[in-house]
Amino acid sequence: MRPAHTISTSFALATRVVRVVDGFVRTLNRVREAWAHRRAVAELAALDAHQLRDIGLSRADVLWAMETPLREDPTMHLARLVRERRAAHMAAVRQARKVWR
């Protein structure tokens, strides 16, 4: 029979190994996801100016997103940009309606 301290040491080591492997797998998943998002932005770059305008973007927006640091998700930057533009547009529309009343 093994001494109790050897069993607890083995358990602690196994726990550390599991944590390291789990962290590695999470990192790999984040890298894979970031790569997929960058591919999606690259696909946006293939659209013409009219198609980009239809979704609220410009070529400059897409190029800017592709230049973001690798640790950042370029699709999140583009989505935020489109939301901000839509909100500004709606605020302008509401303001114009007030003026015309």
Protein backbone atom coordinates (compact mmCIF):
# COMPACT_ATOMS: atom_id res chain seq x y z
CA MET A 1 0.00 0.00 0.00
CA ARG A 2 1.24 3.51 -0.88
CA PRO A 3 1.75 6.11 1.79
CA ALA A 4 -0.98 8.78 1.93
CA HIS A 5 1.39 11.61 1.07
CA THR A 6 2.43 9.86 -2.18
CA ILE A 7 -1.20 9.49 -3.24
CA SER A 8 -1.98 13.14 -2.50
CA THR A 9 1.19 14.22 -4.36
CA SER A 10 0.17 12.13 -7.38
CA PHE A 11 -3.31 13.63 -7.28
CA ALA A 12 -1.93 17.17 -7.08
CA LEU A 13 0.37 16.49 -10.05
CA ALA A 14 -2.48 15.02 -12.07
CA THR A 15 -4.62 18.06 -11.24
CA ARG A 16 -1.87 20.41 -12.45
CA VAL A 17 -1.43 18.44 -15.67
CA VAL A 18 -5.17 18.58 -16.34
CA ARG A 19 -5.17 22.36 -15.77
CA VAL A 20 -2.23 22.86 -18.12
CA VAL A 21 -3.82 20.71 -20.83
CA ASP A 22 -7.14 22.49 -20.35
CA GLY A 23 -5.46 25.88 -20.72
CA PHE A 24 -3.64 24.71 -23.83
CA VAL A 25 -6.87 23.43 -25.40
CA ARG A 26 -8.66 26.71 -24.59
CA THR A 27 -5.83 28.68 -26.17
CA LEU A 28 -5.96 26.52 -29.28
CA ASN A 29 -9.71 27.04 -29.53
CA ARG A 30 -9.30 30.83 -29.23
CA VAL A 31 -6.64 30.81 -31.94
CA ARG A 32 -8.85 28.68 -34.21
CA GLU A 33 -11.80 31.01 -33.63
CA ALA A 34 -9.70 34.12 -34.26
CA TRP A 35 -8.42 32.58 -37.49
CA ALA A 36 -11.99 31.87 -38.62
CA HIS A 37 -12.99 35.48 -37.89
CA ARG A 38 -10.02 36.80 -39.86
CA ARG A 39 -11.01 34.57 -42.79
CA ALA A 40 -14.53 36.03 -42.61
CA VAL A 41 -13.11 39.56 -42.79
CA ALA A 42 -10.92 38.51 -45.72
CA GLU A 43 -14.09 37.32 -47.47
CA LEU A 44 -15.63 40.76 -46.87
CA ALA A 45 -12.63 42.27 -48.63
CA ALA A 46 -13.67 40.38 -51.76
CA LEU A 47 -17.05 42.18 -51.88
CA ASP A 48 -17.50 45.22 -54.09
CA ALA A 49 -18.20 48.70 -52.71
CA HIS A 50 -21.96 48.45 -53.27
CA GLN A 51 -22.22 45.15 -51.38
CA LEU A 52 -20.17 46.53 -48.51
CA ARG A 53 -22.33 49.64 -48.37
CA ASP A 54 -25.44 47.43 -48.18
CA ILE A 55 -24.14 45.97 -44.92
CA GLY A 56 -23.00 49.33 -43.59
CA LEU A 57 -19.28 49.04 -44.29
CA SER A 58 -16.69 50.52 -46.59
CA ARG A 59 -13.51 49.06 -48.03
CA ALA A 60 -11.53 51.21 -45.58
CA ASP A 61 -13.46 49.67 -42.67
CA VAL A 62 -12.55 46.17 -43.80
CA LEU A 63 -8.90 47.05 -44.31
CA TRP A 64 -8.81 48.72 -40.89
CA ALA A 65 -10.31 45.61 -39.27
CA MET A 66 -7.71 43.39 -40.93
CA GLU A 67 -4.97 45.52 -39.35
CA THR A 68 -6.18 45.00 -35.79
CA PRO A 69 -3.82 43.06 -33.52
CA LEU A 70 -4.07 39.28 -33.75
CA ARG A 71 -5.34 39.05 -30.18
CA GLU A 72 -8.42 41.10 -31.14
CA ASP A 73 -11.45 39.90 -33.07
CA PRO A 74 -11.83 42.04 -36.22
CA THR A 75 -15.45 41.00 -36.69
CA MET A 76 -16.33 42.50 -33.29
CA HIS A 77 -14.77 45.80 -34.35
CA LEU A 78 -16.79 45.81 -37.57
CA ALA A 79 -20.02 44.90 -35.78
CA ARG A 80 -19.50 47.70 -33.25
CA LEU A 81 -18.77 50.15 -36.06
CA VAL A 82 -21.97 49.23 -37.91
CA ARG A 83 -24.04 49.47 -34.68
CA GLU A 84 -22.61 52.93 -33.94
CA ARG A 85 -23.33 54.14 -37.47
CA ARG A 86 -26.88 52.82 -37.39
CA ALA A 87 -27.50 54.44 -34.01
CA ALA A 88 -26.13 57.76 -35.29
CA HIS A 89 -28.29 57.49 -38.41
CA MET A 90 -31.42 56.76 -36.37
CA ALA A 91 -30.65 59.68 -34.05
CA ALA A 92 -30.34 61.96 -37.10
CA VAL A 93 -33.64 60.66 -38.48
CA ARG A 94 -35.38 61.30 -35.15
CA GLN A 95 -33.90 64.79 -34.99
CA ALA A 96 -35.03 65.53 -38.55
CA ARG A 97 -38.57 64.39 -37.71
CA LYS A 98 -38.66 66.80 -34.77
CA VAL A 99 -37.57 69.67 -37.02
CA TRP A 100 -40.28 68.94 -39.58
CA ARG A 101 -43.08 68.87 -37.02
